[in-house]
């Protein structure tokens, strides 16, 4: 007999966070920022993405190294009045 499929755990706090207004922002990266106490986009202004990544890595050792690109994109979005749509993609920040 087959085991019933389990539902994926949904992070509603991250999904409903103002950080999700950042185009192409991942729920996982949003969760990492929430865990660091960042709740609003303006809180990213003046922050160093690499430092955010190091802080997030201390809280979650299994954090993928490519997560820093989401942090770079988020800081760019927070600091730029009219962001370039080409730069609002995590692949731009690799």
N, C-alpha and C. Protein backbone atom coordinates (compact mmCIF):
# COMPACT_ATOMS: atom_id res chain seq x y z
N UNK A 1 0.83 -1.18 0.00
CA UNK A 1 0.00 0.00 0.00
C UNK A 1 0.88 1.25 0.00
N UNK A 2 0.51 2.23 -0.78
CA UNK A 2 1.27 3.47 -0.87
C UNK A 2 1.00 4.37 0.32
N UNK A 3 2.07 5.05 0.74
CA UNK A 3 1.90 6.01 1.82
C UNK A 3 1.21 7.26 1.27
N UNK A 4 0.34 7.86 2.07
CA UNK A 4 -0.30 9.10 1.59
C UNK A 4 0.72 10.22 1.45
N UNK A 5 0.51 11.06 0.46
CA UNK A 5 1.43 12.18 0.25
C UNK A 5 1.25 13.19 1.37
N UNK A 6 2.37 13.70 1.82
CA UNK A 6 2.33 14.72 2.86
C UNK A 6 2.32 16.10 2.20
N UNK A 7 1.57 16.98 2.79
CA UNK A 7 1.54 18.34 2.28
C UNK A 7 2.84 19.04 2.65
N UNK A 8 3.29 19.88 1.74
CA UNK A 8 4.47 20.67 2.03
C UNK A 8 4.10 21.71 3.08
N UNK A 9 5.04 21.97 3.96
CA UNK A 9 4.84 23.00 4.97
C UNK A 9 4.96 24.37 4.30
N UNK A 10 3.96 25.19 4.50
CA UNK A 10 3.93 26.51 3.86
C UNK A 10 4.29 27.57 4.89
N UNK A 11 5.20 28.44 4.52
CA UNK A 11 5.65 29.51 5.40
C UNK A 11 4.80 30.75 5.12
N UNK A 12 3.65 30.81 5.78
CA UNK A 12 2.72 31.91 5.53
C UNK A 12 3.27 33.25 5.99
N UNK A 13 4.06 33.26 7.05
CA UNK A 13 4.65 34.52 7.51
C UNK A 13 5.54 35.11 6.43
N UNK A 14 6.37 34.28 5.83
CA UNK A 14 7.26 34.76 4.76
C UNK A 14 6.45 35.16 3.53
N UNK A 15 5.48 34.36 3.17
CA UNK A 15 4.67 34.67 1.99
C UNK A 15 3.93 36.00 2.12
N UNK A 16 3.49 36.32 3.32
CA UNK A 16 2.73 37.55 3.55
C UNK A 16 3.61 38.73 3.96
N UNK A 17 4.90 38.54 3.98
CA UNK A 17 5.83 39.58 4.39
C UNK A 17 5.93 40.68 3.32
N UNK A 18 6.12 41.94 3.75
CA UNK A 18 6.37 43.02 2.78
C UNK A 18 7.60 42.76 1.92
N UNK A 19 8.53 41.93 2.39
CA UNK A 19 9.72 41.61 1.60
C UNK A 19 9.37 40.87 0.31
N UNK A 20 8.21 40.24 0.27
CA UNK A 20 7.81 39.51 -0.93
C UNK A 20 7.37 40.44 -2.05
N UNK A 21 7.29 41.76 -1.78
CA UNK A 21 6.99 42.71 -2.86
C UNK A 21 8.20 42.91 -3.77
N UNK A 22 9.36 42.46 -3.32
CA UNK A 22 10.56 42.53 -4.15
C UNK A 22 10.39 41.52 -5.28
N UNK A 23 10.46 41.97 -6.54
CA UNK A 23 10.27 41.05 -7.66
C UNK A 23 11.25 39.87 -7.61
N UNK A 24 10.73 38.69 -7.87
CA UNK A 24 11.49 37.43 -7.94
C UNK A 24 12.18 37.04 -6.63
N UNK A 25 11.72 37.58 -5.53
CA UNK A 25 12.28 37.23 -4.22
C UNK A 25 11.77 35.85 -3.84
N UNK A 26 12.65 35.01 -3.34
CA UNK A 26 12.24 33.66 -2.95
C UNK A 26 11.70 33.65 -1.53
N UNK A 27 10.82 32.71 -1.27
CA UNK A 27 10.26 32.56 0.07
C UNK A 27 11.36 32.18 1.06
N UNK A 28 12.29 31.35 0.61
CA UNK A 28 13.37 30.91 1.49
C UNK A 28 14.28 32.07 1.89
N UNK A 29 14.62 32.93 0.93
CA UNK A 29 15.46 34.09 1.23
C UNK A 29 14.70 35.06 2.15
N UNK A 30 13.41 35.19 1.92
CA UNK A 30 12.59 36.03 2.79
C UNK A 30 12.59 35.48 4.21
N UNK A 31 12.49 34.18 4.36
CA UNK A 31 12.53 33.55 5.69
C UNK A 31 13.86 33.85 6.37
N UNK A 32 14.96 33.78 5.61
CA UNK A 32 16.28 34.07 6.19
C UNK A 32 16.35 35.50 6.69
N UNK A 33 15.81 36.45 5.93
CA UNK A 33 15.82 37.84 6.35
C UNK A 33 14.91 38.06 7.57
N UNK A 34 13.77 37.40 7.58
CA UNK A 34 12.88 37.49 8.75
C UNK A 34 13.58 36.96 9.99
N UNK A 35 14.31 35.88 9.84
CA UNK A 35 15.04 35.30 10.97
C UNK A 35 16.12 36.25 11.50
N UNK A 36 16.58 37.16 10.65
CA UNK A 36 17.58 38.16 11.06
C UNK A 36 16.92 39.41 11.65
N UNK A 37 15.59 39.42 11.69
CA UNK A 37 14.87 40.56 12.25
C UNK A 37 14.51 41.63 11.24
N UNK A 38 14.74 41.36 9.97
CA UNK A 38 14.39 42.31 8.92
C UNK A 38 12.96 42.01 8.48
N UNK A 39 12.08 42.98 8.69
CA UNK A 39 10.66 42.78 8.41
C UNK A 39 10.16 43.63 7.25
N UNK A 40 10.84 44.75 7.00
CA UNK A 40 10.41 45.70 5.98
C UNK A 40 11.54 45.94 4.98
N UNK A 41 11.15 46.32 3.76
CA UNK A 41 12.13 46.55 2.70
C UNK A 41 13.11 47.66 3.08
N UNK A 42 12.61 48.74 3.69
CA UNK A 42 13.50 49.86 4.01
C UNK A 42 14.60 49.47 4.98
N UNK A 43 14.42 48.39 5.74
CA UNK A 43 15.45 47.95 6.68
C UNK A 43 16.69 47.39 5.98
N UNK A 44 16.58 47.16 4.68
CA UNK A 44 17.71 46.64 3.92
C UNK A 44 18.63 47.75 3.42
N UNK A 45 18.17 48.99 3.46
CA UNK A 45 18.97 50.11 2.98
C UNK A 45 20.25 50.24 3.81
N UNK A 46 21.36 50.36 3.10
CA UNK A 46 22.65 50.54 3.77
C UNK A 46 23.25 49.26 4.32
N UNK A 47 22.61 48.14 4.09
CA UNK A 47 23.13 46.86 4.59
C UNK A 47 24.02 46.21 3.54
N UNK A 48 25.01 45.48 3.98
CA UNK A 48 25.91 44.75 3.08
C UNK A 48 25.35 43.34 2.89
N UNK A 49 25.03 42.97 1.65
CA UNK A 49 24.46 41.64 1.40
C UNK A 49 25.33 40.50 1.91
N UNK A 50 26.65 40.65 1.80
CA UNK A 50 27.54 39.58 2.25
C UNK A 50 27.50 39.42 3.77
N UNK A 51 27.34 40.52 4.48
CA UNK A 51 27.22 40.46 5.94
C UNK A 51 25.89 39.82 6.32
N UNK A 52 24.83 40.18 5.60
CA UNK A 52 23.52 39.54 5.84
C UNK A 52 23.63 38.03 5.64
N UNK A 53 24.35 37.65 4.58
CA UNK A 53 24.52 36.22 4.30
C UNK A 53 25.29 35.54 5.43
N UNK A 54 26.36 36.17 5.89
CA UNK A 54 27.15 35.58 6.99
C UNK A 54 26.31 35.43 8.25
N UNK A 55 25.49 36.46 8.55
CA UNK A 55 24.61 36.39 9.71
C UNK A 55 23.58 35.28 9.56
N UNK A 56 23.02 35.14 8.35
CA UNK A 56 22.04 34.09 8.09
C UNK A 56 22.69 32.71 8.17
N UNK A 57 23.95 32.63 7.75
CA UNK A 57 24.69 31.37 7.80
C UNK A 57 24.93 30.92 9.24
N UNK A 58 25.10 31.88 10.14
CA UNK A 58 25.27 31.54 11.55
C UNK A 58 23.99 30.92 12.13
N UNK A 59 22.85 31.36 11.65
CA UNK A 59 21.58 30.83 12.14
C UNK A 59 21.20 29.52 11.46
N UNK A 60 21.68 29.32 10.23
CA UNK A 60 21.33 28.13 9.45
C UNK A 60 22.55 27.67 8.67
N UNK A 61 23.26 26.70 9.22
CA UNK A 61 24.51 26.24 8.60
C UNK A 61 24.30 25.61 7.23
N UNK A 62 23.12 25.11 6.94
CA UNK A 62 22.85 24.47 5.66
C UNK A 62 22.42 25.43 4.57
N UNK A 63 22.65 26.71 4.77
CA UNK A 63 22.23 27.73 3.82
C UNK A 63 23.03 27.61 2.53
N UNK A 64 22.35 27.53 1.37
CA UNK A 64 23.08 27.44 0.11
C UNK A 64 23.85 28.72 -0.19
N UNK A 65 25.02 28.57 -0.78
CA UNK A 65 25.89 29.72 -1.05
C UNK A 65 25.27 30.69 -2.05
N UNK A 66 24.39 30.22 -2.91
CA UNK A 66 23.79 31.12 -3.89
C UNK A 66 22.69 32.01 -3.31
N UNK A 67 22.38 31.86 -2.04
CA UNK A 67 21.34 32.69 -1.40
C UNK A 67 21.77 34.14 -1.34
N UNK A 68 23.08 34.39 -1.34
CA UNK A 68 23.59 35.76 -1.26
C UNK A 68 23.10 36.59 -2.45
N UNK A 69 22.85 35.98 -3.58
CA UNK A 69 22.38 36.76 -4.74
C UNK A 69 21.00 37.35 -4.50
N UNK A 70 20.16 36.65 -3.75
CA UNK A 70 18.85 37.20 -3.39
C UNK A 70 19.01 38.39 -2.45
N UNK A 71 19.98 38.30 -1.54
CA UNK A 71 20.23 39.40 -0.62
C UNK A 71 20.76 40.63 -1.39
N UNK A 72 21.65 40.40 -2.36
CA UNK A 72 22.16 41.49 -3.18
C UNK A 72 21.02 42.18 -3.94
N UNK A 73 20.15 41.37 -4.53
CA UNK A 73 19.02 41.91 -5.28
C UNK A 73 18.09 42.70 -4.36
N UNK A 74 17.84 42.18 -3.17
CA UNK A 74 16.93 42.83 -2.23
C UNK A 74 17.49 44.18 -1.76
N UNK A 75 18.78 44.22 -1.47
CA UNK A 75 19.41 45.48 -1.05
C UNK A 75 19.37 46.49 -2.19
N UNK A 76 19.66 46.04 -3.40
CA UNK A 76 19.58 46.91 -4.57
C UNK A 76 18.17 47.50 -4.71
N UNK A 77 17.17 46.65 -4.59
CA UNK A 77 15.78 47.10 -4.71
C UNK A 77 15.44 48.13 -3.63
N UNK A 78 15.89 47.89 -2.42
CA UNK A 78 15.59 48.79 -1.30
C UNK A 78 16.27 50.15 -1.47
N UNK A 79 17.45 50.16 -2.08
CA UNK A 79 18.23 51.38 -2.17
C UNK A 79 18.01 52.18 -3.46
N UNK A 80 17.29 51.61 -4.41
CA UNK A 80 17.14 52.23 -5.71
C UNK A 80 15.71 52.70 -5.92
N UNK A 81 15.56 53.99 -6.25
CA UNK A 81 14.23 54.55 -6.42
C UNK A 81 13.50 53.94 -7.60
N UNK A 82 14.18 53.82 -8.73
CA UNK A 82 13.59 53.21 -9.92
C UNK A 82 14.54 52.11 -10.41
N UNK A 83 14.42 50.92 -9.82
CA UNK A 83 15.35 49.85 -10.17
C UNK A 83 15.23 49.39 -11.62
N UNK A 84 16.36 49.04 -12.18
CA UNK A 84 16.41 48.50 -13.54
C UNK A 84 15.82 47.09 -13.52
N UNK A 85 14.79 46.83 -14.35
CA UNK A 85 14.17 45.51 -14.36
C UNK A 85 15.15 44.36 -14.63
N UNK A 86 16.21 44.64 -15.39
CA UNK A 86 17.20 43.60 -15.67
C UNK A 86 17.94 43.17 -14.40
N UNK A 87 18.05 44.11 -13.46
CA UNK A 87 18.77 43.81 -12.23
C UNK A 87 17.87 43.20 -11.15
N UNK A 88 16.58 43.08 -11.46
CA UNK A 88 15.65 42.49 -10.51
C UNK A 88 15.45 41.01 -10.79
N UNK A 89 16.55 40.35 -10.99
CA UNK A 89 16.55 38.89 -11.18
C UNK A 89 17.78 38.36 -10.45
N UNK A 90 17.61 37.33 -9.63
CA UNK A 90 18.76 36.83 -8.86
C UNK A 90 19.94 36.40 -9.73
N UNK A 91 19.68 35.94 -10.95
CA UNK A 91 20.77 35.50 -11.81
C UNK A 91 21.69 36.65 -12.21
N UNK A 92 21.19 37.87 -12.19
CA UNK A 92 22.02 39.04 -12.50
C UNK A 92 23.11 39.20 -11.46
N UNK A 93 22.86 38.77 -10.24
CA UNK A 93 23.74 39.03 -9.09
C UNK A 93 24.70 37.88 -8.79
N UNK A 94 24.91 36.96 -9.72
CA UNK A 94 25.83 35.84 -9.46
C UNK A 94 27.27 36.27 -9.60
